[in-house]
Amino acid sequence: MLGLPIGCNNEIHAANILGVQVHVATMEQSLDRVDEALQQGRCLRVITANPEMIVRAEKEEGLREIIRQADLVVPDGEGVVWAARFLGWDMTERVTGVDLTQRFLEKAHTYGWRVFFLGGKPGVADEAARKVREDFAGLEVEAHHGFFGHCTQEDREDHDNEEGIVARIREFNPHILLAGMGVPYQEYWLSRYPDLARVSMGVGGTFDVLSGQVKRAPQWVRRVRLEWFYRVLQDPRRVKRQLRLAVYVMKVIGQRIKG
């Protein structure tokens, strides 16, 4: 599916990074694709690919196939943009899950699209939905946590099992379904239920940001492409994740050497 036209007049291609195809797409091109799908009544599955996902997909055939079948794979992270440019593709900007979510919400508010948040610890997605309703008056947003089997008795009485959650989503009939259950579980879960929404996307820890649990880096830090460092300062446990990026960098260099 990769390499299909995006928007009315633009066509984009896919960069091959360690055997994983990532669209050379800007934020505006990505939003055009979402607009087009919703206007035409088509389903669109979006994947936000970061270096960790790419390294995992290189080894995990099931995840790699899910990414291959996605309609839009956006570069979520400076490491992906660097790799694409290093390997010869003219990728100009990252398209993060949290930024894309924010733009989705703005458009949903404008056009009356319904949005469902699925994921996070109990209470996080609900708080994120509450704050979004405050910011976008009139926007229809529903939420449920991602801990289907680990919750309070109150949650158990309210659609705790997976079948009940799926039924609740179907009843709400969202235009956009955002799943924040971590990679790769959110990708596998969304691929099992491809018809729950017109547009579906895995968003990782985005609900933590929307709910105020996690503070995002200031705009100037994002502009100089040091958001990853800001996140390490906030949570030193991320050092291990950053060390894994060294493996990713070496693999990308190896791909270039092999041609």
C-alpha atoms as a PDB file:
ATOM      1  CA  MET A   1       0.000   0.000   0.000  1.00  0.00           C
ATOM      2  CA  LEU A   2       2.992   2.286   0.456  1.00  0.00           C
ATOM      3  CA  GLY A   3       3.756   4.886  -2.177  1.00  0.00           C
ATOM      4  CA  LEU A   4       0.107   5.624  -2.982  1.00  0.00           C
ATOM      5  CA  PRO A   5      -0.920   9.229  -3.716  1.00  0.00           C
ATOM      6  CA  ILE A   6      -1.517  11.450  -0.725  1.00  0.00           C
ATOM      7  CA  GLY A   7      -3.789  14.428  -1.133  1.00  0.00           C
ATOM      8  CA  CYS A   8      -5.110  15.597  -4.472  1.00  0.00           C
ATOM      9  CA  ASN A   9      -1.915  16.535  -6.245  1.00  0.00           C
ATOM     10  CA  ASN A  10       0.934  15.060  -4.223  1.00  0.00           C
ATOM     11  CA  GLU A  11       2.463  11.622  -4.402  1.00  0.00           C
ATOM     12  CA  ILE A  12       4.874  10.376  -1.799  1.00  0.00           C
ATOM     13  CA  HIS A  13       7.197   7.408  -1.681  1.00  0.00           C
ATOM     14  CA  ALA A  14       8.492   5.175   1.053  1.00  0.00           C
ATOM     15  CA  ALA A  15      11.979   5.003   2.496  1.00  0.00           C
ATOM     16  CA  ASN A  16      13.297   1.521   3.195  1.00  0.00           C
ATOM     17  CA  ILE A  17      14.879   1.567   6.645  1.00  0.00           C
ATOM     18  CA  LEU A  18      16.141  -1.863   7.749  1.00  0.00           C
ATOM     19  CA  GLY A  19      13.482  -3.503   5.626  1.00  0.00           C
ATOM     20  CA  VAL A  20      10.678  -1.365   7.045  1.00  0.00           C
ATOM     21  CA  GLN A  21       8.848   1.005   4.715  1.00  0.00           C
ATOM     22  CA  VAL A  22       8.256   4.532   6.111  1.00  0.00           C
ATOM     23  CA  HIS A  23       6.467   7.203   4.103  1.00  0.00           C
ATOM     24  CA  VAL A  24       8.439  10.308   3.236  1.00  0.00           C
ATOM     25  CA  ALA A  25       5.431  12.337   4.395  1.00  0.00           C
ATOM     26  CA  THR A  26       5.052  15.758   5.952  1.00  0.00           C
ATOM     27  CA  MET A  27       2.461  16.618   8.584  1.00  0.00           C
ATOM     28  CA  GLU A  28       0.266  18.359   6.019  1.00  0.00           C
ATOM     29  CA  GLN A  29       0.452  15.449   3.595  1.00  0.00           C
ATOM     30  CA  SER A  30      -0.513  13.082   6.398  1.00  0.00           C
ATOM     31  CA  LEU A  31      -3.508  15.227   7.337  1.00  0.00           C
ATOM     32  CA  ASP A  32      -4.548  15.407   3.692  1.00  0.00           C
ATOM     33  CA  ARG A  33      -4.601  11.624   3.598  1.00  0.00           C
ATOM     34  CA  VAL A  34      -6.844  11.494   6.691  1.00  0.00           C
ATOM     35  CA  ASP A  35      -9.196  14.121   5.255  1.00  0.00           C
ATOM     36  CA  GLU A  36      -9.416  12.188   2.021  1.00  0.00           C
ATOM     37  CA  ALA A  37     -10.217   8.897   3.755  1.00  0.00           C
ATOM     38  CA  LEU A  38     -12.953  10.391   5.910  1.00  0.00           C
ATOM     39  CA  GLN A  39     -14.519  12.268   3.018  1.00  0.00           C
ATOM     40  CA  GLN A  40     -14.551   9.153   0.836  1.00  0.00           C
ATOM     41  CA  GLY A  41     -15.700   6.778   3.585  1.00  0.00           C
ATOM     42  CA  ARG A  42     -12.531   4.669   3.432  1.00  0.00           C
ATOM     43  CA  CYS A  43     -10.683   3.108   6.342  1.00  0.00           C
ATOM     44  CA  LEU A  44      -7.139   4.320   6.996  1.00  0.00           C
ATOM     45  CA  ARG A  45      -4.650   2.675   9.343  1.00  0.00           C
ATOM     46  CA  VAL A  46      -1.779   4.923  10.445  1.00  0.00           C
ATOM     47  CA  ILE A  47       1.431   3.742  12.087  1.00  0.00           C
ATOM     48  CA  THR A  48       3.884   6.064  13.820  1.00  0.00           C
ATOM     49  CA  ALA A  49       7.260   4.414  13.256  1.00  0.00           C
ATOM     50  CA  ASN A  50      10.126   5.245  15.597  1.00  0.00           C
ATOM     51  CA  PRO A  51      13.615   3.650  15.695  1.00  0.00           C
ATOM     52  CA  GLU A  52      12.652   1.111  18.373  1.00  0.00           C
ATOM     53  CA  MET A  53       9.703  -0.098  16.313  1.00  0.00           C
ATOM     54  CA  ILE A  54      11.872  -0.372  13.202  1.00  0.00           C
ATOM     55  CA  VAL A  55      14.529  -2.442  14.979  1.00  0.00           C
ATOM     56  CA  ARG A  56      11.861  -4.710  16.417  1.00  0.00           C
ATOM     57  CA  ALA A  57      10.108  -5.077  13.069  1.00  0.00           C
ATOM     58  CA  GLU A  58      13.388  -6.006  11.396  1.00  0.00           C
ATOM     59  CA  LYS A  59      13.410  -9.171  13.532  1.00  0.00           C
ATOM     60  CA  GLU A  60       9.654  -9.703  14.005  1.00  0.00           C
ATOM     61  CA  GLU A  61       7.954 -10.718  10.788  1.00  0.00           C
ATOM     62  CA  GLY A  62       4.420 -10.260  12.142  1.00  0.00           C
ATOM     63  CA  LEU A  63       5.038  -6.633  13.074  1.00  0.00           C
ATOM     64  CA  ARG A  64       6.862  -5.977   9.812  1.00  0.00           C
ATOM     65  CA  GLU A  65       3.865  -7.313   7.874  1.00  0.00           C
ATOM     66  CA  ILE A  66       1.431  -5.136   9.851  1.00  0.00           C
ATOM     67  CA  ILE A  67       3.532  -2.087   9.001  1.00  0.00           C
ATOM     68  CA  ARG A  68       3.702  -3.141   5.341  1.00  0.00           C
ATOM     69  CA  GLN A  69      -0.091  -3.390   5.163  1.00  0.00           C
ATOM     70  CA  ALA A  70      -0.685   0.006   6.796  1.00  0.00           C
ATOM     71  CA  ASP A  71      -2.035   2.825   4.657  1.00  0.00           C
ATOM     72  CA  LEU A  72       0.252   5.471   6.130  1.00  0.00           C
ATOM     73  CA  VAL A  73       3.517   5.021   8.061  1.00  0.00           C
ATOM     74  CA  VAL A  74       4.829   8.330   9.391  1.00  0.00           C
ATOM     75  CA  PRO A  75       8.362   9.101  10.665  1.00  0.00           C
ATOM     76  CA  ASP A  76       7.942   9.427  14.435  1.00  0.00           C
ATOM     77  CA  GLY A  77      11.292  10.656  15.653  1.00  0.00           C
ATOM     78  CA  GLU A  78      14.477  12.382  14.600  1.00  0.00           C
ATOM     79  CA  GLY A  79      16.193   8.995  14.341  1.00  0.00           C
ATOM     80  CA  VAL A  80      13.868   7.998  11.511  1.00  0.00           C
ATOM     81  CA  VAL A  81      14.347  11.294   9.673  1.00  0.00           C
ATOM     82  CA  TRP A  82      18.124  10.986  10.045  1.00  0.00           C
ATOM     83  CA  ALA A  83      18.131   7.401   8.756  1.00  0.00           C
ATOM     84  CA  ALA A  84      15.991   8.228   5.733  1.00  0.00           C
ATOM     85  CA  ARG A  85      18.193  11.177   4.760  1.00  0.00           C
ATOM     86  CA  PHE A  86      21.375   9.189   5.434  1.00  0.00           C
ATOM     87  CA  LEU A  87      20.089   6.468   3.110  1.00  0.00           C
ATOM     88  CA  GLY A  88      19.244   8.929   0.348  1.00  0.00           C
ATOM     89  CA  TRP A  89      15.597   9.931   0.770  1.00  0.00           C
ATOM     90  CA  ASP A  90      14.593  13.574   1.040  1.00  0.00           C
ATOM     91  CA  MET A  91      12.643  13.329   4.308  1.00  0.00           C
ATOM     92  CA  THR A  92      12.188  16.855   5.683  1.00  0.00           C
ATOM     93  CA  GLU A  93      10.334  16.509   8.985  1.00  0.00           C
ATOM     94  CA  ARG A  94       9.225  14.112  11.661  1.00  0.00           C
ATOM     95  CA  VAL A  95       5.528  13.483  12.234  1.00  0.00           C
ATOM     96  CA  THR A  96       5.138  12.421  15.849  1.00  0.00           C
ATOM     97  CA  GLY A  97       2.138  10.623  17.258  1.00  0.00           C
ATOM     98  CA  VAL A  98       1.433  13.355  19.793  1.00  0.00           C
ATOM     99  CA  ASP A  99       1.617  16.136  17.176  1.00  0.00           C
ATOM    100  CA  LEU A 100      -0.556  14.194  14.742  1.00  0.00           C
ATOM    101  CA  THR A 101      -3.061  13.500  17.532  1.00  0.00           C
ATOM    102  CA  GLN A 102      -3.286  17.209  18.319  1.00  0.00           C
ATOM    103  CA  ARG A 103      -3.967  18.030  14.676  1.00  0.00           C
ATOM    104  CA  PHE A 104      -6.544  15.219  14.512  1.00  0.00           C
ATOM    105  CA  LEU A 105      -8.362  16.769  17.468  1.00  0.00           C
ATOM    106  CA  GLU A 106      -8.363  20.218  15.864  1.00  0.00           C
ATOM    107  CA  LYS A 107      -9.872  18.821  12.683  1.00  0.00           C
ATOM    108  CA  ALA A 108     -12.326  16.648  14.609  1.00  0.00           C
ATOM    109  CA  HIS A 109     -13.557  19.749  16.407  1.00  0.00           C
ATOM    110  CA  THR A 110     -13.962  21.596  13.108  1.00  0.00           C
ATOM    111  CA  TYR A 111     -15.717  18.814  11.223  1.00  0.00           C
ATOM    112  CA  GLY A 112     -17.622  17.094  14.037  1.00  0.00           C
ATOM    113  CA  TRP A 113     -15.634  13.854  13.995  1.00  0.00           C
ATOM    114  CA  ARG A 114     -16.006  11.503  16.965  1.00  0.00           C
ATOM    115  CA  VAL A 115     -12.789  10.315  18.667  1.00  0.00           C
ATOM    116  CA  PHE A 116     -12.138   7.353  20.973  1.00  0.00           C
ATOM    117  CA  PHE A 117      -9.095   7.079  23.276  1.00  0.00           C
ATOM    118  CA  LEU A 118      -8.109   3.500  24.166  1.00  0.00           C
ATOM    119  CA  GLY A 119      -5.101   2.811  26.366  1.00  0.00           C
ATOM    120  CA  GLY A 120      -3.021   4.011  29.256  1.00  0.00           C
ATOM    121  CA  LYS A 121      -3.373   3.199  32.925  1.00  0.00           C
ATOM    122  CA  PRO A 122      -6.842   3.378  34.499  1.00  0.00           C
ATOM    123  CA  GLY A 123      -7.930   7.007  34.658  1.00  0.00           C
ATOM    124  CA  VAL A 124      -5.312   8.423  32.286  1.00  0.00           C
ATOM    125  CA  ALA A 125      -7.307   8.210  29.045  1.00  0.00           C
ATOM    126  CA  ASP A 126     -10.409   9.480  30.872  1.00  0.00           C
ATOM    127  CA  GLU A 127      -8.494  12.499  32.152  1.00  0.00           C
ATOM    128  CA  ALA A 128      -7.048  13.108  28.698  1.00  0.00           C
ATOM    129  CA  ALA A 129     -10.564  13.006  27.229  1.00  0.00           C
ATOM    130  CA  ARG A 130     -11.832  15.388  29.916  1.00  0.00           C
ATOM    131  CA  LYS A 131      -9.125  17.943  29.155  1.00  0.00           C
ATOM    132  CA  VAL A 132      -9.703  17.620  25.420  1.00  0.00           C
ATOM    133  CA  ARG A 133     -13.431  18.329  25.934  1.00  0.00           C
ATOM    134  CA  GLU A 134     -12.444  21.458  27.857  1.00  0.00           C
ATOM    135  CA  ASP A 135     -10.133  22.603  25.076  1.00  0.00           C
ATOM    136  CA  PHE A 136     -12.526  21.708  22.259  1.00  0.00           C
ATOM    137  CA  ALA A 137     -16.057  22.421  23.443  1.00  0.00           C
ATOM    138  CA  GLY A 138     -18.592  20.170  21.774  1.00  0.00           C
ATOM    139  CA  LEU A 139     -16.078  17.589  20.575  1.00  0.00           C
ATOM    140  CA  GLU A 140     -17.324  14.028  21.143  1.00  0.00           C
ATOM    141  CA  VAL A 141     -14.570  12.046  22.867  1.00  0.00           C
ATOM    142  CA  GLU A 142     -14.893   8.765  24.757  1.00  0.00           C
ATOM    143  CA  ALA A 143     -12.164   6.796  26.509  1.00  0.00           C
ATOM    144  CA  HIS A 144     -11.218   3.513  28.140  1.00  0.00           C
ATOM    145  CA  HIS A 145      -7.955   2.417  29.738  1.00  0.00           C
ATOM    146  CA  GLY A 146      -5.721  -0.248  28.215  1.00  0.00           C
ATOM    147  CA  PHE A 147      -5.472  -2.525  31.266  1.00  0.00           C
ATOM    148  CA  PHE A 148      -8.304  -4.850  30.317  1.00  0.00           C
ATOM    149  CA  GLY A 149      -7.511  -7.410  33.002  1.00  0.00           C
ATOM    150  CA  HIS A 150      -6.005  -5.194  35.731  1.00  0.00           C
ATOM    151  CA  CYS A 151      -8.495  -2.712  37.096  1.00  0.00           C
ATOM    152  CA  THR A 152     -10.897  -1.882  39.920  1.00  0.00           C
ATOM    153  CA  GLN A 153     -14.248  -3.524  40.528  1.00  0.00           C
ATOM    154  CA  GLU A 154     -15.952  -0.397  39.175  1.00  0.00           C
ATOM    155  CA  ASP A 155     -14.085  -0.833  35.891  1.00  0.00           C
ATOM    156  CA  ARG A 156     -15.009  -4.513  35.771  1.00  0.00           C
ATOM    157  CA  GLU A 157     -18.666  -3.585  35.904  1.00  0.00           C
ATOM    158  CA  ASP A 158     -18.161  -1.169  33.019  1.00  0.00           C
ATOM    159  CA  HIS A 159     -17.008  -3.040  29.901  1.00  0.00           C
ATOM    160  CA  ASP A 160     -13.778  -4.423  31.400  1.00  0.00           C
ATOM    161  CA  ASN A 161     -13.511  -7.443  29.131  1.00  0.00           C
ATOM    162  CA  GLU A 162     -12.189  -7.002  25.624  1.00  0.00           C
ATOM    163  CA  GLU A 163     -15.451  -7.985  23.966  1.00  0.00           C
ATOM    164  CA  GLY A 164     -17.281  -5.369  26.004  1.00  0.00           C
ATOM    165  CA  ILE A 165     -14.733  -2.710  25.103  1.00  0.00           C
ATOM    166  CA  VAL A 166     -14.994  -3.542  21.411  1.00  0.00           C
ATOM    167  CA  ALA A 167     -18.798  -3.404  21.665  1.00  0.00           C
ATOM    168  CA  ARG A 168     -18.582  -0.010  23.391  1.00  0.00           C
ATOM    169  CA  ILE A 169     -16.337   1.356  20.633  1.00  0.00           C
ATOM    170  CA  ARG A 170     -18.682   0.048  17.941  1.00  0.00           C
ATOM    171  CA  GLU A 171     -21.646   1.659  19.688  1.00  0.00           C
ATOM    172  CA  PHE A 172     -19.825   5.011  19.848  1.00  0.00           C
ATOM    173  CA  ASN A 173     -18.885   4.583  16.168  1.00  0.00           C
ATOM    174  CA  PRO A 174     -15.812   6.840  16.183  1.00  0.00           C
ATOM    175  CA  HIS A 175     -14.349   8.450  13.114  1.00  0.00           C
ATOM    176  CA  ILE A 176     -10.903   8.214  14.754  1.00  0.00           C
ATOM    177  CA  LEU A 177      -9.638   5.528  17.148  1.00  0.00           C
ATOM    178  CA  LEU A 178      -6.365   6.228  18.981  1.00  0.00           C
ATOM    179  CA  ALA A 179      -4.739   3.313  20.820  1.00  0.00           C
ATOM    180  CA  GLY A 180      -2.072   4.046  23.404  1.00  0.00           C
ATOM    181  CA  MET A 181      -1.059   0.574  24.551  1.00  0.00           C
ATOM    182  CA  GLY A 182       2.612   0.522  23.636  1.00  0.00           C
ATOM    183  CA  VAL A 183       4.514  -0.972  20.710  1.00  0.00           C
ATOM    184  CA  PRO A 184       3.855  -3.518  19.336  1.00  0.00           C
ATOM    185  CA  TYR A 185       0.687  -4.457  21.240  1.00  0.00           C
ATOM    186  CA  GLN A 186      -1.293  -1.463  19.970  1.00  0.00           C
ATOM    187  CA  GLU A 187      -0.362  -2.289  16.368  1.00  0.00           C
ATOM    188  CA  TYR A 188      -1.384  -5.944  16.724  1.00  0.00           C
ATOM    189  CA  TRP A 189      -4.620  -4.965  18.483  1.00  0.00           C
ATOM    190  CA  LEU A 190      -5.663  -2.454  15.843  1.00  0.00           C
ATOM    191  CA  SER A 191      -4.881  -4.923  13.068  1.00  0.00           C
ATOM    192  CA  ARG A 192      -7.270  -7.426  14.684  1.00  0.00           C
ATOM    193  CA  TYR A 193     -10.109  -4.888  14.610  1.00  0.00           C
ATOM    194  CA  PRO A 194      -9.662  -2.996  11.317  1.00  0.00           C
ATOM    195  CA  ASP A 195     -13.286  -1.831  11.078  1.00  0.00           C
ATOM    196  CA  LEU A 196     -13.738  -0.116  14.454  1.00  0.00           C
ATOM    197  CA  ALA A 197     -13.113   3.356  13.016  1.00  0.00           C
ATOM    198  CA  ARG A 198     -12.449   5.103   9.723  1.00  0.00           C
ATOM    199  CA  VAL A 199      -9.011   6.155  10.947  1.00  0.00           C
ATOM    200  CA  SER A 200      -7.008   4.218  13.541  1.00  0.00           C
ATOM    201  CA  MET A 201      -3.535   4.930  14.907  1.00  0.00           C
ATOM    202  CA  GLY A 202      -1.250   3.731  17.685  1.00  0.00           C
ATOM    203  CA  VAL A 203      -0.120   6.671  19.806  1.00  0.00           C
ATOM    204  CA  GLY A 204       2.082   5.192  22.544  1.00  0.00           C
ATOM    205  CA  GLY A 205       2.259   7.515  25.560  1.00  0.00           C
ATOM    206  CA  THR A 206       0.262  10.370  24.016  1.00  0.00           C
ATOM    207  CA  PHE A 207      -2.526  10.090  26.605  1.00  0.00           C
ATOM    208  CA  ASP A 208       0.045  10.696  29.360  1.00  0.00           C
ATOM    209  CA  VAL A 209       0.870  14.006  27.669  1.00  0.00           C
ATOM    210  CA  LEU A 210      -2.755  14.995  27.003  1.00  0.00           C
ATOM    211  CA  SER A 211      -3.758  14.183  30.588  1.00  0.00           C
ATOM    212  CA  GLY A 212      -0.906  16.220  32.073  1.00  0.00           C
ATOM    213  CA  GLN A 213       0.845  13.170  33.563  1.00  0.00           C
ATOM    214  CA  VAL A 214       3.913  13.879  31.422  1.00  0.00           C
ATOM    215  CA  LYS A 215       5.155  17.343  30.480  1.00  0.00           C
ATOM    216  CA  ARG A 216       6.277  17.731  26.901  1.00  0.00           C
ATOM    217  CA  ALA A 217       9.480  19.537  25.966  1.00  0.00           C
ATOM    218  CA  PRO A 218       9.209  23.293  25.300  1.00  0.00           C
ATOM    219  CA  GLN A 219       8.818  24.333  21.684  1.00  0.00           C
ATOM    220  CA  TRP A 220      12.378  25.650  21.412  1.00  0.00           C
ATOM    221  CA  VAL A 221      13.747  22.264  22.524  1.00  0.00           C
ATOM    222  CA  ARG A 222      11.676  20.547  19.829  1.00  0.00           C
ATOM    223  CA  ARG A 223      12.891  23.033  17.223  1.00  0.00           C
ATOM    224  CA  VAL A 224      16.550  22.170  17.918  1.00  0.00           C
ATOM    225  CA  ARG A 225      15.616  18.457  17.800  1.00  0.00           C
ATOM    226  CA  LEU A 226      16.539  17.651  21.397  1.00  0.00           C
ATOM    227  CA  GLU A 227      13.175  16.446  22.670  1.00  0.00           C
ATOM    228  CA  TRP A 228      14.632  12.972  23.217  1.00  0.00           C
ATOM    229  CA  PHE A 229      17.236  14.458  25.604  1.00  0.00           C
ATOM    230  CA  TYR A 230      14.554  16.401  27.491  1.00  0.00           C
ATOM    231  CA  ARG A 231      12.623  13.150  27.985  1.00  0.00           C
ATOM    232  CA  VAL A 232      15.726  11.420  29.337  1.00  0.00           C
ATOM    233  CA  LEU A 233      16.176  14.232  31.864  1.00  0.00           C
ATOM    234  CA  GLN A 234      12.551  13.779  32.927  1.00  0.00           C
ATOM    235  CA  ASP A 235      12.881  10.008  33.207  1.00  0.00           C
ATOM    236  CA  PRO A 236      16.462   8.699  33.575  1.00  0.00           C
ATOM    237  CA  ARG A 237      15.162   5.155  33.016  1.00  0.00           C
ATOM    238  CA  ARG A 238      14.983   6.101  29.340  1.00  0.00           C
ATOM    239  CA  VAL A 239      18.788   5.953  29.180  1.00  0.00           C
ATOM    240  CA  LYS A 240      18.535   2.236  28.362  1.00  0.00           C
ATOM    241  CA  ARG A 241      16.201   3.028  25.470  1.00  0.00           C
ATOM    242  CA  GLN A 242      18.636   5.624  24.145  1.00  0.00           C
ATOM    243  CA  LEU A 243      21.479   3.127  24.354  1.00  0.00           C
ATOM    244  CA  ARG A 244      19.461   0.811  22.104  1.00  0.00           C
ATOM    245  CA  LEU A 245      19.502   3.592  19.543  1.00  0.00           C
ATOM    246  CA  ALA A 246      23.225   2.918  19.106  1.00  0.00           C
ATOM    247  CA  VAL A 247      22.300  -0.502  17.730  1.00  0.00           C
ATOM    248  CA  TYR A 248      19.839   1.162  15.354  1.00  0.00           C
ATOM    249  CA  VAL A 249      22.461   3.651  14.131  1.00  0.00           C
ATOM    250  CA  MET A 250      24.984   0.884  13.464  1.00  0.00           C
ATOM    251  CA  LYS A 251      22.397  -1.140  11.554  1.00  0.00           C
ATOM    252  CA  VAL A 252      21.476   1.855   9.405  1.00  0.00           C
ATOM    253  CA  ILE A 253      25.151   2.509   8.656  1.00  0.00           C
ATOM    254  CA  GLY A 254      25.482  -1.160   7.722  1.00  0.00           C
ATOM    255  CA  GLN A 255      22.528  -0.868   5.347  1.00  0.00           C
ATOM    256  CA  ARG A 256      24.169   2.063   3.572  1.00  0.00           C
ATOM    257  CA  ILE A 257      27.482   0.245   3.275  1.00  0.00           C
ATOM    258  CA  LYS A 258      25.708  -2.749   1.739  1.00  0.00           C
ATOM    259  CA  GLY A 259      24.013  -0.398  -0.711  1.00  0.00           C
END
